[in-house]
Structure formats: structure tokens, C-alpha cells
Amino acid sequence: MPKRATTRKSTRQTKAPARKRSSARRKKPVRKWSGRVTATSDALDLKHDVFKQRSAGAIARSLKRSAERSHRRKSDPYRSAMSMLVFYINRAGKNLSAPRRRTLEAAKGELRRAFGRD
């Protein structure tokens, strides 16, 4: 009797390759301390988006007004306003465009003039 060719199905099922979990799902959201300091600092009660204004004079006037009205600052208004401006420039670092950096640097000069500290 001739042998029959039998095709046998494998009883073993092939597993689909394990999916890698997205690392974004597992990680906690990044919380930047500098943003929290800018928003909730004891130095000043800042107007919202003060550093996004286009004019250096407007930034300086807003910082001066906030510094003089704040009851939470620990030093004189000039030092508080200047330190918050310098803090923002330093923390923004490489993410600031050249024109934006020039505006913020000019705001330092405007702030000095506003407080009579040329």
C-alpha cells in the first residue's frame, strides 16, 4: 500500500510579537520647576504673559507696577523686578529667539531707567 502524504497542521499557535509599550504612557508628565516659580513665586504677583509682550518698555512698566504693588516680595521693588526678568531670561536659555532675547535684554535697560538707576 502506498504511503499517503499527510499534511499536518501544527497544533502550536504562533504568538504575535510582543508590542512594546510606549514609554510616554508610563512616564509621569514632566513638571518644570521654573514655570512654577514664575507663576507662584514670592517675589512678585506678575501679570499673565508679561514676558510675551512685544515692547521692552511695556515689559519694564508691567514688572515695575507688579513689584511696587506686590505684598509678597522680600526685597526692594527694583531688585525683585530685575531678578524676575533675569530669571526668565536665564531659564529660557537656548529656546529664546535672537529678537526675543534682544527685547528682553532691552527691557532690563528700560527697567533701570524706570527705577532711576541708569
N, C-alpha and C. Protein backbone atom coordinates (compact mmCIF):
# COMPACT_ATOMS: atom_id res chain seq x y z
N MET A 1 0.81 -1.15 0.00
CA MET A 1 0.00 0.00 0.00
C MET A 1 0.88 1.25 0.00
N PRO A 2 0.57 2.17 -0.90
CA PRO A 2 1.39 3.37 -0.98
C PRO A 2 1.11 4.30 0.21
N LYS A 3 2.14 4.96 0.61
CA LYS A 3 2.01 5.91 1.72
C LYS A 3 1.35 7.19 1.23
N ARG A 4 0.45 7.66 2.07
CA ARG A 4 -0.19 8.91 1.71
C ARG A 4 0.60 10.08 2.31
N ALA A 5 0.68 11.08 1.52
CA ALA A 5 1.33 12.29 2.02
C ALA A 5 0.32 13.01 2.90
N THR A 6 0.65 13.15 4.10
CA THR A 6 -0.28 13.84 5.00
C THR A 6 0.29 15.21 5.36
N THR A 7 -0.57 16.11 5.35
CA THR A 7 -0.17 17.44 5.80
C THR A 7 -0.78 17.65 7.17
N ARG A 8 0.03 17.91 8.04
CA ARG A 8 -0.43 18.03 9.39
C ARG A 8 -0.34 19.50 9.82
N LYS A 9 -1.42 19.99 10.35
CA LYS A 9 -1.41 21.37 10.84
C LYS A 9 -0.75 21.37 12.21
N SER A 10 -0.01 22.36 12.41
CA SER A 10 0.67 22.49 13.70
C SER A 10 -0.36 22.82 14.77
N THR A 11 -0.25 22.15 15.86
CA THR A 11 -1.17 22.46 16.96
C THR A 11 -0.68 23.65 17.76
N ARG A 12 0.55 24.00 17.55
CA ARG A 12 1.13 25.14 18.26
C ARG A 12 0.77 26.43 17.50
N GLN A 13 0.18 27.38 18.22
CA GLN A 13 -0.16 28.65 17.57
C GLN A 13 1.03 29.58 17.68
N THR A 14 1.23 30.31 16.64
CA THR A 14 2.34 31.27 16.68
C THR A 14 1.86 32.52 17.38
N LYS A 15 2.70 33.01 18.26
CA LYS A 15 2.36 34.22 19.00
C LYS A 15 2.75 35.44 18.18
N ALA A 16 1.91 36.43 18.30
CA ALA A 16 2.25 37.70 17.66
C ALA A 16 3.40 38.31 18.46
N PRO A 17 4.28 39.02 17.78
CA PRO A 17 5.39 39.63 18.52
C PRO A 17 4.84 40.58 19.59
N ALA A 18 5.48 40.55 20.73
CA ALA A 18 5.03 41.39 21.84
C ALA A 18 5.19 42.85 21.47
N ARG A 19 4.16 43.62 21.75
CA ARG A 19 4.21 45.05 21.45
C ARG A 19 4.96 45.77 22.56
N LYS A 20 5.80 46.66 22.14
CA LYS A 20 6.49 47.48 23.12
C LYS A 20 5.53 48.55 23.60
N ARG A 21 5.52 48.74 24.87
CA ARG A 21 4.69 49.80 25.41
C ARG A 21 5.36 51.14 25.16
N SER A 22 4.56 52.06 24.86
CA SER A 22 5.08 53.40 24.63
C SER A 22 5.62 53.94 25.94
N SER A 23 6.83 54.44 25.89
CA SER A 23 7.42 54.97 27.12
C SER A 23 6.68 56.23 27.58
N ALA A 24 5.99 56.87 26.65
CA ALA A 24 5.26 58.09 27.02
C ALA A 24 4.08 57.76 27.94
N ARG A 25 3.54 56.57 27.81
CA ARG A 25 2.41 56.20 28.65
C ARG A 25 2.83 55.96 30.09
N ARG A 26 4.01 55.43 30.24
CA ARG A 26 4.44 55.04 31.58
C ARG A 26 5.06 56.19 32.36
N LYS A 27 5.65 57.13 31.65
CA LYS A 27 6.35 58.21 32.33
C LYS A 27 5.37 59.23 32.89
N LYS A 28 5.76 59.81 34.00
CA LYS A 28 4.97 60.90 34.56
C LYS A 28 5.21 62.14 33.71
N PRO A 29 4.25 63.02 33.65
CA PRO A 29 4.48 64.25 32.88
C PRO A 29 5.60 65.06 33.52
N VAL A 30 6.37 65.69 32.67
CA VAL A 30 7.49 66.49 33.16
C VAL A 30 6.95 67.81 33.69
N ARG A 31 7.29 68.10 34.91
CA ARG A 31 6.87 69.35 35.50
C ARG A 31 8.11 70.22 35.67
N LYS A 32 8.06 71.38 35.09
CA LYS A 32 9.23 72.26 35.12
C LYS A 32 9.14 73.20 36.32
N TRP A 33 10.13 73.15 37.15
CA TRP A 33 10.11 73.96 38.36
C TRP A 33 10.18 75.44 38.03
N SER A 34 10.84 75.79 36.92
CA SER A 34 10.98 77.20 36.58
C SER A 34 9.63 77.82 36.22
N GLY A 35 8.76 77.05 35.59
CA GLY A 35 7.43 77.56 35.29
C GLY A 35 6.62 77.80 36.54
N ARG A 36 6.77 76.90 37.50
CA ARG A 36 6.07 77.05 38.77
C ARG A 36 6.59 78.27 39.53
N VAL A 37 7.90 78.48 39.49
CA VAL A 37 8.48 79.64 40.17
C VAL A 37 7.97 80.93 39.55
N THR A 38 7.93 80.97 38.22
CA THR A 38 7.46 82.17 37.54
C THR A 38 6.01 82.46 37.91
N ALA A 39 5.21 81.40 38.03
CA ALA A 39 3.79 81.60 38.31
C ALA A 39 3.49 81.86 39.78
N THR A 40 4.21 81.22 40.69
CA THR A 40 3.82 81.27 42.10
C THR A 40 4.92 81.80 43.01
N SER A 41 5.85 82.51 42.47
CA SER A 41 6.98 83.00 43.26
C SER A 41 6.53 83.98 44.34
N ASP A 42 7.30 84.01 45.43
CA ASP A 42 7.04 85.00 46.46
C ASP A 42 7.60 86.36 46.07
N ALA A 43 8.34 86.40 44.98
CA ALA A 43 8.97 87.65 44.58
C ALA A 43 7.93 88.66 44.08
N LEU A 44 7.05 88.25 43.19
CA LEU A 44 6.11 89.19 42.57
C LEU A 44 4.79 88.53 42.23
N ASP A 45 3.77 89.35 42.12
CA ASP A 45 2.49 88.93 41.55
C ASP A 45 2.49 89.45 40.12
N LEU A 46 2.91 88.60 39.17
CA LEU A 46 3.08 89.05 37.79
C LEU A 46 1.78 89.02 37.01
N LYS A 47 1.69 89.95 36.07
CA LYS A 47 0.59 89.95 35.12
C LYS A 47 0.78 88.75 34.20
N HIS A 48 -0.30 88.13 33.78
CA HIS A 48 -0.22 86.95 32.92
C HIS A 48 0.47 87.29 31.59
N ASP A 49 1.40 86.46 31.17
CA ASP A 49 2.14 86.60 29.90
C ASP A 49 2.92 87.91 29.79
N VAL A 50 3.42 88.39 30.89
CA VAL A 50 4.16 89.66 30.87
C VAL A 50 5.39 89.56 29.98
N PHE A 51 6.05 88.43 29.95
CA PHE A 51 7.29 88.30 29.18
C PHE A 51 7.04 88.06 27.69
N LYS A 52 5.79 87.89 27.31
CA LYS A 52 5.47 87.68 25.90
C LYS A 52 5.10 88.98 25.19
N GLN A 53 5.09 90.08 25.92
CA GLN A 53 4.77 91.37 25.30
C GLN A 53 5.87 91.74 24.32
N ARG A 54 5.51 92.49 23.29
CA ARG A 54 6.47 92.81 22.22
C ARG A 54 7.40 93.97 22.56
N SER A 55 6.94 94.87 23.38
CA SER A 55 7.71 96.07 23.67
C SER A 55 8.51 95.92 24.96
N ALA A 56 9.79 96.30 24.89
CA ALA A 56 10.64 96.26 26.09
C ALA A 56 10.11 97.22 27.15
N GLY A 57 9.61 98.36 26.72
CA GLY A 57 9.05 99.33 27.66
C GLY A 57 7.82 98.80 28.37
N ALA A 58 6.97 98.09 27.63
CA ALA A 58 5.75 97.52 28.23
C ALA A 58 6.11 96.45 29.26
N ILE A 59 7.12 95.64 28.96
CA ILE A 59 7.56 94.61 29.91
C ILE A 59 8.09 95.29 31.18
N ALA A 60 8.92 96.31 31.01
CA ALA A 60 9.51 97.01 32.16
C ALA A 60 8.43 97.69 33.00
N ARG A 61 7.47 98.35 32.36
CA ARG A 61 6.40 99.02 33.10
C ARG A 61 5.56 98.02 33.88
N SER A 62 5.27 96.89 33.26
CA SER A 62 4.47 95.86 33.92
C SER A 62 5.21 95.28 35.12
N LEU A 63 6.51 95.01 34.95
CA LEU A 63 7.31 94.48 36.06
C LEU A 63 7.40 95.49 37.20
N LYS A 64 7.57 96.76 36.85
CA LYS A 64 7.66 97.80 37.88
C LYS A 64 6.36 97.89 38.66
N ARG A 65 5.24 97.93 37.93
CA ARG A 65 3.93 98.01 38.57
C ARG A 65 3.70 96.80 39.49
N SER A 66 4.04 95.60 38.99
CA SER A 66 3.86 94.39 39.80
C SER A 66 4.74 94.41 41.04
N ALA A 67 5.98 94.86 40.88
CA ALA A 67 6.92 94.88 42.00
C ALA A 67 6.48 95.87 43.07
N GLU A 68 5.98 97.01 42.64
CA GLU A 68 5.59 98.03 43.61
C GLU A 68 4.29 97.66 44.34
N ARG A 69 3.41 96.93 43.68
CA ARG A 69 2.13 96.57 44.29
C ARG A 69 2.19 95.27 45.08
N SER A 70 3.20 94.46 44.85
CA SER A 70 3.27 93.15 45.49
C SER A 70 3.52 93.27 46.99
N HIS A 71 2.79 92.45 47.74
CA HIS A 71 2.99 92.40 49.19
C HIS A 71 3.80 91.16 49.57
N ARG A 72 4.18 90.35 48.57
CA ARG A 72 4.88 89.10 48.86
C ARG A 72 6.38 89.20 48.64
N ARG A 73 6.86 90.28 48.08
CA ARG A 73 8.29 90.37 47.79
C ARG A 73 9.08 90.56 49.06
N LYS A 74 10.34 90.15 48.99
CA LYS A 74 11.18 90.20 50.19
C LYS A 74 12.23 91.30 50.15
N SER A 75 12.47 91.88 49.00
CA SER A 75 13.45 92.97 48.91
C SER A 75 12.79 94.17 48.24
N ASP A 76 13.60 95.17 47.89
CA ASP A 76 13.03 96.37 47.29
C ASP A 76 12.47 96.05 45.90
N PRO A 77 11.55 96.88 45.40
CA PRO A 77 10.87 96.60 44.14
C PRO A 77 11.82 96.44 42.95
N TYR A 78 12.85 97.28 42.88
CA TYR A 78 13.79 97.19 41.75
C TYR A 78 14.46 95.82 41.70
N ARG A 79 14.97 95.37 42.82
CA ARG A 79 15.66 94.09 42.86
C ARG A 79 14.72 92.93 42.52
N SER A 80 13.49 93.00 43.01
CA SER A 80 12.52 91.94 42.72
C SER A 80 12.18 91.88 41.24
N ALA A 81 11.94 93.04 40.65
CA ALA A 81 11.58 93.10 39.23
C ALA A 81 12.74 92.63 38.36
N MET A 82 13.94 93.13 38.66
CA MET A 82 15.10 92.76 37.86
C MET A 82 15.42 91.27 38.01
N SER A 83 15.30 90.75 39.21
CA SER A 83 15.63 89.33 39.40
C SER A 83 14.64 88.43 38.67
N MET A 84 13.38 88.82 38.62
CA MET A 84 12.40 88.00 37.90
C MET A 84 12.67 88.05 36.39
N LEU A 85 13.05 89.20 35.87
CA LEU A 85 13.37 89.32 34.46
C LEU A 85 14.61 88.50 34.11
N VAL A 86 15.65 88.61 34.90
CA VAL A 86 16.89 87.86 34.66
C VAL A 86 16.64 86.36 34.81
N PHE A 87 15.83 85.98 35.79
CA PHE A 87 15.48 84.58 35.99
C PHE A 87 14.81 84.02 34.74
N TYR A 88 13.86 84.78 34.18
CA TYR A 88 13.16 84.32 32.99
C TYR A 88 14.12 84.17 31.82
N ILE A 89 15.00 85.14 31.62
CA ILE A 89 15.96 85.08 30.51
C ILE A 89 16.88 83.87 30.67
N ASN A 90 17.39 83.65 31.87
CA ASN A 90 18.30 82.53 32.11
C ASN A 90 17.62 81.19 31.95
N ARG A 91 16.39 81.05 32.42
CA ARG A 91 15.71 79.76 32.33
C ARG A 91 15.27 79.46 30.90
N ALA A 92 14.96 80.48 30.12
CA ALA A 92 14.55 80.25 28.73
C ALA A 92 15.73 79.75 27.91
N GLY A 93 16.92 80.23 28.23
CA GLY A 93 18.15 79.73 27.63
C GLY A 93 18.17 79.74 26.12
N LYS A 94 18.47 78.59 25.53
CA LYS A 94 18.62 78.47 24.08
C LYS A 94 17.28 78.53 23.36
N ASN A 95 16.19 78.41 24.09
CA ASN A 95 14.87 78.41 23.45
C ASN A 95 14.40 79.80 23.05
N LEU A 96 15.11 80.83 23.49
CA LEU A 96 14.75 82.19 23.09
C LEU A 96 15.32 82.50 21.72
N SER A 97 14.49 83.07 20.87
CA SER A 97 15.00 83.51 19.57
C SER A 97 15.82 84.77 19.77
N ALA A 98 16.64 85.11 18.80
CA ALA A 98 17.50 86.29 18.91
C ALA A 98 16.69 87.58 19.09
N PRO A 99 15.62 87.79 18.30
CA PRO A 99 14.85 89.03 18.51
C PRO A 99 14.18 89.08 19.89
N ARG A 100 13.72 87.94 20.36
CA ARG A 100 13.07 87.89 21.68
C ARG A 100 14.08 88.19 22.78
N ARG A 101 15.27 87.63 22.65
CA ARG A 101 16.33 87.89 23.64
C ARG A 101 16.70 89.37 23.65
N ARG A 102 16.79 89.98 22.45
CA ARG A 102 17.12 91.41 22.37
C ARG A 102 16.05 92.25 23.08
N THR A 103 14.79 91.89 22.88
CA THR A 103 13.70 92.63 23.53
C THR A 103 13.79 92.51 25.04
N LEU A 104 14.06 91.31 25.53
CA LEU A 104 14.14 91.10 26.98
C LEU A 104 15.37 91.80 27.57
N GLU A 105 16.47 91.78 26.84
CA GLU A 105 17.67 92.49 27.31
C GLU A 105 17.43 93.99 27.33
N ALA A 106 16.69 94.49 26.32
CA ALA A 106 16.35 95.91 26.29
C ALA A 106 15.42 96.27 27.45
N ALA A 107 14.58 95.31 27.85
CA ALA A 107 13.67 95.54 28.98
C ALA A 107 14.46 95.76 30.27
N LYS A 108 15.64 95.14 30.37
CA LYS A 108 16.47 95.37 31.55
C LYS A 108 16.90 96.84 31.62
N GLY A 109 17.30 97.39 30.48
CA GLY A 109 17.67 98.81 30.43
C GLY A 109 16.49 99.71 30.75
N GLU A 110 15.33 99.37 30.19
CA GLU A 110 14.12 100.15 30.46
C GLU A 110 13.75 100.10 31.94
N LEU A 111 13.94 98.95 32.55
CA LEU A 111 13.63 98.79 33.96
C LEU A 111 14.57 99.63 34.83
N ARG A 112 15.83 99.67 34.45
CA ARG A 112 16.79 100.53 35.17
C ARG A 112 16.37 101.99 35.09
N ARG A 113 15.98 102.42 33.86
CA ARG A 113 15.55 103.81 33.68
C ARG A 113 14.27 104.09 34.47
N ALA A 114 13.34 103.13 34.48
CA ALA A 114 12.07 103.33 35.18
C ALA A 114 12.28 103.53 36.68
N PHE A 115 13.28 102.88 37.21
CA PHE A 115 13.56 103.00 38.65
C PHE A 115 14.62 104.07 38.93
N GLY A 116 15.09 104.77 37.88
CA GLY A 116 16.08 105.82 38.05
C GLY A 116 17.45 105.28 38.44
N ARG A 117 17.81 104.14 37.90
CA ARG A 117 19.09 103.51 38.25
C ARG A 117 20.02 103.44 37.05
N ASP A 118 19.93 104.38 36.14
CA ASP A 118 20.77 104.33 34.94
C ASP A 118 22.16 104.20 35.37
